[in-house]
Protein backbone atom coordinates (compact mmCIF):
# COMPACT_ATOMS: atom_id res chain seq x y z
CA UNK A 1 89.36 114.03 80.81
CA UNK A 2 91.76 114.71 77.94
CA UNK A 3 94.39 117.44 78.22
CA UNK A 4 95.69 119.74 75.50
CA UNK A 5 98.35 117.17 74.56
CA UNK A 6 95.79 114.43 73.99
CA UNK A 7 96.65 112.50 77.15
CA UNK A 8 93.67 110.99 78.96
CA UNK A 9 93.34 111.44 82.73
CA UNK A 10 90.88 109.92 85.17
CA UNK A 11 89.58 112.04 88.00
CA UNK A 12 88.92 110.27 91.29
CA UNK A 13 86.68 111.62 94.03
CA UNK A 14 88.05 110.03 97.18
CA UNK A 15 85.23 111.30 99.41
CA UNK A 16 82.57 109.74 97.18
CA UNK A 17 84.53 106.51 96.92
CA UNK A 18 84.74 106.37 100.73
CA UNK A 19 80.99 107.01 101.10
CA UNK A 20 80.24 104.19 98.66
CA UNK A 21 82.60 101.91 100.58
CA UNK A 22 80.74 102.77 103.80
CA UNK A 23 77.49 101.35 102.40
CA UNK A 24 79.00 98.36 100.58
CA UNK A 25 77.96 94.85 101.68
CA UNK A 26 81.50 94.41 103.10
CA UNK A 27 82.68 97.91 104.08
CA UNK A 28 86.10 96.79 105.34
CA UNK A 29 86.90 95.07 102.05
CA UNK A 30 85.53 98.01 100.08
CA UNK A 31 87.72 100.48 101.98
CA UNK A 32 90.73 98.22 101.44
CA UNK A 33 90.03 98.26 97.69
CA UNK A 34 89.73 102.06 97.73
CA UNK A 35 93.08 102.21 99.55
CA UNK A 36 94.65 99.98 96.89
CA UNK A 37 93.24 102.06 94.04
CA UNK A 38 94.44 105.32 95.54
CA UNK A 39 97.89 103.88 96.31
CA UNK A 40 98.24 102.69 92.71
CA UNK A 41 97.19 106.09 91.38
CA UNK A 42 99.79 107.80 93.59
CA UNK A 43 102.47 105.38 92.36
CA UNK A 44 101.56 106.04 88.72
CA UNK A 45 101.60 109.80 89.31
CA UNK A 46 105.03 109.63 90.95
CA UNK A 47 106.47 107.55 88.10
CA UNK A 48 105.14 110.06 85.58
CA UNK A 49 107.07 112.94 87.14
């Protein structure tokens, strides 16, 4: 998604990511990766403020 200033933003659907992780060949690893992705996104958001 691009805002009115031309900055690009990615939208993440945590519920869908969790459901996909549930059915992954290695669900524990998949959930760990989702956790890492979401933590990184939160860090980036906090640095942007």
